[in-house]
């Protein structure tokens, strides 16, 4: 099975992250880290949104 290609290589199918494996040096690692941090931030924001419950059954 072939790996995902640049620039979408940093997040695997099962949600595992992989940084710095694109042979672009420190800049590539930096880009990967930025993408990973943004993705985690989006996930945390979406999971922390309050659910609106009006209390009726």
PDB file of N, CA and C in Angstrom:
ATOM      1  N   UNK A   1       0.843  -1.178   0.000  1.00  0.00           N
ATOM      2  CA  UNK A   1       0.000   0.000   0.000  1.00  0.00           C
ATOM      3  C   UNK A   1       0.885   1.236   0.000  1.00  0.00           C
ATOM      4  N   UNK A   2       0.623   2.139  -0.898  1.00  0.00           N
ATOM      5  CA  UNK A   2       1.406   3.366  -0.999  1.00  0.00           C
ATOM      6  C   UNK A   2       0.982   4.348   0.082  1.00  0.00           C
ATOM      7  N   UNK A   3       1.949   5.122   0.555  1.00  0.00           N
ATOM      8  CA  UNK A   3       1.650   6.134   1.553  1.00  0.00           C
ATOM      9  C   UNK A   3       0.961   7.326   0.925  1.00  0.00           C
ATOM     10  N   UNK A   4       0.439   8.175   1.746  1.00  0.00           N
ATOM     11  CA  UNK A   4      -0.212   9.379   1.244  1.00  0.00           C
ATOM     12  C   UNK A   4       0.840  10.334   0.735  1.00  0.00           C
ATOM     13  N   UNK A   5       0.502  11.093  -0.284  1.00  0.00           N
ATOM     14  CA  UNK A   5       1.476  11.984  -0.897  1.00  0.00           C
ATOM     15  C   UNK A   5       1.412  13.382  -0.280  1.00  0.00           C
ATOM     16  N   UNK A   6       2.497  14.108  -0.457  1.00  0.00           N
ATOM     17  CA  UNK A   6       2.601  15.483   0.008  1.00  0.00           C
ATOM     18  C   UNK A   6       1.538  16.301  -0.694  1.00  0.00           C
ATOM     19  N   UNK A   7       0.828  17.190  -0.084  1.00  0.00           N
ATOM     20  CA  UNK A   7       0.948  17.702   1.271  1.00  0.00           C
ATOM     21  C   UNK A   7       0.011  17.039   2.273  1.00  0.00           C
ATOM     22  N   UNK A   8      -0.691  15.994   1.884  1.00  0.00           N
ATOM     23  CA  UNK A   8      -1.670  15.369   2.779  1.00  0.00           C
ATOM     24  C   UNK A   8      -1.137  14.120   3.455  1.00  0.00           C
ATOM     25  N   UNK A   9       0.124  14.063   3.692  1.00  0.00           N
ATOM     26  CA  UNK A   9       0.778  12.874   4.238  1.00  0.00           C
ATOM     27  C   UNK A   9       0.807  12.842   5.758  1.00  0.00           C
ATOM     28  N   UNK A  10       0.534  13.940   6.416  1.00  0.00           N
ATOM     29  CA  UNK A  10       0.780  14.070   7.844  1.00  0.00           C
ATOM     30  C   UNK A  10      -0.282  13.406   8.715  1.00  0.00           C
ATOM     31  N   UNK A  11      -1.452  13.066   8.155  1.00  0.00           N
ATOM     32  CA  UNK A  11      -2.485  12.403   8.951  1.00  0.00           C
ATOM     33  C   UNK A  11      -2.871  11.087   8.292  1.00  0.00           C
ATOM     34  N   UNK A  12      -2.733  10.023   9.042  1.00  0.00           N
ATOM     35  CA  UNK A  12      -3.049   8.702   8.524  1.00  0.00           C
ATOM     36  C   UNK A  12      -4.531   8.403   8.562  1.00  0.00           C
ATOM     37  N   UNK A  13      -4.894   7.264   8.000  1.00  0.00           N
ATOM     38  CA  UNK A  13      -6.294   6.864   7.920  1.00  0.00           C
ATOM     39  C   UNK A  13      -6.926   6.664   9.292  1.00  0.00           C
ATOM     40  N   UNK A  14      -6.167   6.236  10.264  1.00  0.00           N
ATOM     41  CA  UNK A  14      -6.694   5.969  11.607  1.00  0.00           C
ATOM     42  C   UNK A  14      -6.492   7.130  12.564  1.00  0.00           C
ATOM     43  N   UNK A  15      -6.152   8.296  12.050  1.00  0.00           N
ATOM     44  CA  UNK A  15      -5.978   9.467  12.893  1.00  0.00           C
ATOM     45  C   UNK A  15      -4.608   9.601  13.521  1.00  0.00           C
ATOM     46  N   UNK A  16      -3.661   8.766  13.111  1.00  0.00           N
ATOM     47  CA  UNK A  16      -2.294   8.893  13.621  1.00  0.00           C
ATOM     48  C   UNK A  16      -1.561   9.953  12.819  1.00  0.00           C
ATOM     49  N   UNK A  17      -0.740  10.725  13.500  1.00  0.00           N
ATOM     50  CA  UNK A  17      -0.006  11.795  12.852  1.00  0.00           C
ATOM     51  C   UNK A  17       1.435  11.386  12.584  1.00  0.00           C
ATOM     52  N   UNK A  18       1.993  11.937  11.522  1.00  0.00           N
ATOM     53  CA  UNK A  18       3.371  11.651  11.139  1.00  0.00           C
ATOM     54  C   UNK A  18       4.010  12.960  10.692  1.00  0.00           C
ATOM     55  N   UNK A  19       5.002  13.432  11.417  1.00  0.00           N
ATOM     56  CA  UNK A  19       5.643  14.703  11.091  1.00  0.00           C
ATOM     57  C   UNK A  19       7.096  14.492  10.703  1.00  0.00           C
ATOM     58  N   UNK A  20       7.533  15.271   9.734  1.00  0.00           N
ATOM     59  CA  UNK A  20       8.942  15.292   9.372  1.00  0.00           C
ATOM     60  C   UNK A  20       9.414  14.162   8.492  1.00  0.00           C
ATOM     61  N   UNK A  21       8.529  13.489   7.804  1.00  0.00           N
ATOM     62  CA  UNK A  21       8.925  12.342   6.998  1.00  0.00           C
ATOM     63  C   UNK A  21       8.846  12.616   5.497  1.00  0.00           C
ATOM     64  N   UNK A  22       8.911  13.864   5.076  1.00  0.00           N
ATOM     65  CA  UNK A  22       8.764  14.185   3.656  1.00  0.00           C
ATOM     66  C   UNK A  22      10.076  14.562   2.991  1.00  0.00           C
ATOM     67  N   UNK A  23      11.159  14.448   3.727  1.00  0.00           N
ATOM     68  CA  UNK A  23      12.489  14.774   3.207  1.00  0.00           C
ATOM     69  C   UNK A  23      12.598  16.230   2.763  1.00  0.00           C
ATOM     70  N   UNK A  24      11.970  17.107   3.528  1.00  0.00           N
ATOM     71  CA  UNK A  24      12.066  18.539   3.251  1.00  0.00           C
ATOM     72  C   UNK A  24      12.806  19.267   4.369  1.00  0.00           C
ATOM     73  N   UNK A  25      13.449  18.531   5.228  1.00  0.00           N
ATOM     74  CA  UNK A  25      14.247  19.130   6.294  1.00  0.00           C
ATOM     75  C   UNK A  25      13.398  19.732   7.393  1.00  0.00           C
ATOM     76  N   UNK A  26      13.995  20.714   8.065  1.00  0.00           N
ATOM     77  CA  UNK A  26      13.328  21.350   9.201  1.00  0.00           C
ATOM     78  C   UNK A  26      12.059  22.072   8.757  1.00  0.00           C
ATOM     79  N   UNK A  27      12.101  22.685   7.585  1.00  0.00           N
ATOM     80  CA  UNK A  27      10.915  23.395   7.105  1.00  0.00           C
ATOM     81  C   UNK A  27       9.747  22.427   6.899  1.00  0.00           C
ATOM     82  N   UNK A  28      10.012  21.252   6.367  1.00  0.00           N
ATOM     83  CA  UNK A  28       8.963  20.253   6.191  1.00  0.00           C
ATOM     84  C   UNK A  28       8.393  19.797   7.518  1.00  0.00           C
ATOM     85  N   UNK A  29       9.264  19.628   8.510  1.00  0.00           N
ATOM     86  CA  UNK A  29       8.806  19.239   9.844  1.00  0.00           C
ATOM     87  C   UNK A  29       7.939  20.333  10.450  1.00  0.00           C
ATOM     88  N   UNK A  30       8.342  21.585  10.225  1.00  0.00           N
ATOM     89  CA  UNK A  30       7.574  22.730  10.718  1.00  0.00           C
ATOM     90  C   UNK A  30       6.179  22.748  10.090  1.00  0.00           C
ATOM     91  N   UNK A  31       6.116  22.559   8.775  1.00  0.00           N
ATOM     92  CA  UNK A  31       4.821  22.546   8.095  1.00  0.00           C
ATOM     93  C   UNK A  31       3.927  21.430   8.633  1.00  0.00           C
ATOM     94  N   UNK A  32       4.502  20.254   8.799  1.00  0.00           N
ATOM     95  CA  UNK A  32       3.736  19.128   9.333  1.00  0.00           C
ATOM     96  C   UNK A  32       3.208  19.451  10.724  1.00  0.00           C
ATOM     97  N   UNK A  33       4.045  20.017  11.566  1.00  0.00           N
ATOM     98  CA  UNK A  33       3.642  20.360  12.931  1.00  0.00           C
ATOM     99  C   UNK A  33       2.508  21.381  12.928  1.00  0.00           C
ATOM    100  N   UNK A  34       2.561  22.343  12.021  1.00  0.00           N
ATOM    101  CA  UNK A  34       1.496  23.339  11.910  1.00  0.00           C
ATOM    102  C   UNK A  34       0.173  22.674  11.515  1.00  0.00           C
ATOM    103  N   UNK A  35       0.217  21.796  10.530  1.00  0.00           N
ATOM    104  CA  UNK A  35      -0.992  21.094  10.090  1.00  0.00           C
ATOM    105  C   UNK A  35      -1.565  20.234  11.214  1.00  0.00           C
ATOM    106  N   UNK A  36      -0.701  19.544  11.919  1.00  0.00           N
ATOM    107  CA  UNK A  36      -1.142  18.678  13.011  1.00  0.00           C
ATOM    108  C   UNK A  36      -1.767  19.507  14.130  1.00  0.00           C
ATOM    109  N   UNK A  37      -1.128  20.611  14.497  1.00  0.00           N
ATOM    110  CA  UNK A  37      -1.661  21.473  15.556  1.00  0.00           C
ATOM    111  C   UNK A  37      -3.016  22.049  15.157  1.00  0.00           C
ATOM    112  N   UNK A  38      -3.164  22.469  13.904  1.00  0.00           N
ATOM    113  CA  UNK A  38      -4.443  22.997  13.433  1.00  0.00           C
ATOM    114  C   UNK A  38      -5.532  21.927  13.477  1.00  0.00           C
ATOM    115  N   UNK A  39      -5.192  20.713  13.073  1.00  0.00           N
ATOM    116  CA  UNK A  39      -6.164  19.625  13.070  1.00  0.00           C
ATOM    117  C   UNK A  39      -6.615  19.292  14.489  1.00  0.00           C
ATOM    118  N   UNK A  40      -5.680  19.211  15.415  1.00  0.00           N
ATOM    119  CA  UNK A  40      -6.023  18.926  16.810  1.00  0.00           C
ATOM    120  C   UNK A  40      -6.877  20.049  17.384  1.00  0.00           C
ATOM    121  N   UNK A  41      -6.535  21.288  17.060  1.00  0.00           N
ATOM    122  CA  UNK A  41      -7.299  22.429  17.540  1.00  0.00           C
ATOM    123  C   UNK A  41      -8.740  22.373  17.035  1.00  0.00           C
ATOM    124  N   UNK A  42      -8.917  22.044  15.760  1.00  0.00           N
ATOM    125  CA  UNK A  42     -10.266  21.930  15.202  1.00  0.00           C
ATOM    126  C   UNK A  42     -11.053  20.826  15.896  1.00  0.00           C
ATOM    127  N   UNK A  43     -10.401  19.706  16.173  1.00  0.00           N
ATOM    128  CA  UNK A  43     -11.082  18.600  16.841  1.00  0.00           C
ATOM    129  C   UNK A  43     -11.492  18.984  18.257  1.00  0.00           C
ATOM    130  N   UNK A  44     -10.617  19.691  18.967  1.00  0.00           N
ATOM    131  CA  UNK A  44     -10.941  20.101  20.333  1.00  0.00           C
ATOM    132  C   UNK A  44     -12.076  21.114  20.347  1.00  0.00           C
ATOM    133  N   UNK A  45     -12.069  22.038  19.400  1.00  0.00           N
ATOM    134  CA  UNK A  45     -13.139  23.034  19.337  1.00  0.00           C
ATOM    135  C   UNK A  45     -14.480  22.381  19.044  1.00  0.00           C
ATOM    136  N   UNK A  46     -14.493  21.428  18.121  1.00  0.00           N
ATOM    137  CA  UNK A  46     -15.764  20.790  17.767  1.00  0.00           C
ATOM    138  C   UNK A  46     -16.272  19.887  18.887  1.00  0.00           C
ATOM    139  N   UNK A  47     -15.378  19.295  19.661  1.00  0.00           N
ATOM    140  CA  UNK A  47     -15.821  18.414  20.742  1.00  0.00           C
ATOM    141  C   UNK A  47     -16.196  19.179  22.001  1.00  0.00           C
ATOM    142  N   UNK A  48     -15.788  20.435  22.109  1.00  0.00           N
ATOM    143  CA  UNK A  48     -16.085  21.194  23.321  1.00  0.00           C
ATOM    144  C   UNK A  48     -17.290  22.108  23.155  1.00  0.00           C
ATOM    145  N   UNK A  49     -17.947  22.072  21.987  1.00  0.00           N
ATOM    146  CA  UNK A  49     -19.133  22.891  21.801  1.00  0.00           C
ATOM    147  C   UNK A  49     -20.248  22.345  22.679  1.00  0.00           C
ATOM    148  N   UNK A  50     -20.918  23.227  23.413  1.00  0.00           N
ATOM    149  CA  UNK A  50     -21.993  22.749  24.293  1.00  0.00           C
ATOM    150  C   UNK A  50     -23.188  22.271  23.468  1.00  0.00           C
ATOM    151  N   UNK A  51     -23.834  21.253  23.952  1.00  0.00           N
ATOM    152  CA  UNK A  51     -25.049  20.779  23.300  1.00  0.00           C
ATOM    153  C   UNK A  51     -26.223  21.543  23.888  1.00  0.00           C
ATOM    154  N   UNK A  52     -27.124  21.940  23.041  1.00  0.00           N
ATOM    155  CA  UNK A  52     -28.290  22.699  23.494  1.00  0.00           C
ATOM    156  C   UNK A  52     -29.397  21.720  23.847  1.00  0.00           C
ATOM    157  N   UNK A  53     -29.749  21.720  25.104  1.00  0.00           N
ATOM    158  CA  UNK A  53     -30.793  20.833  25.595  1.00  0.00           C
ATOM    159  C   UNK A  53     -31.812  21.692  26.324  1.00  0.00           C
ATOM    160  N   UNK A  54     -33.040  21.691  25.828  1.00  0.00           N
ATOM    161  CA  UNK A  54     -34.049  22.541  26.457  1.00  0.00           C
ATOM    162  C   UNK A  54     -34.712  21.891  27.662  1.00  0.00           C
ATOM    163  N   UNK A  55     -34.309  20.681  28.017  1.00  0.00           N
ATOM    164  CA  UNK A  55     -34.811  20.033  29.215  1.00  0.00           C
ATOM    165  C   UNK A  55     -36.098  19.260  29.027  1.00  0.00           C
ATOM    166  N   UNK A  56     -36.697  19.332  27.849  1.00  0.00           N
ATOM    167  CA  UNK A  56     -37.935  18.581  27.637  1.00  0.00           C
ATOM    168  C   UNK A  56     -37.631  17.138  27.271  1.00  0.00           C
ATOM    169  N   UNK A  57     -38.546  16.257  27.636  1.00  0.00           N
ATOM    170  CA  UNK A  57     -38.335  14.829  27.369  1.00  0.00           C
ATOM    171  C   UNK A  57     -38.994  14.378  26.107  1.00  0.00           C
TER     172      UNK A  57
END
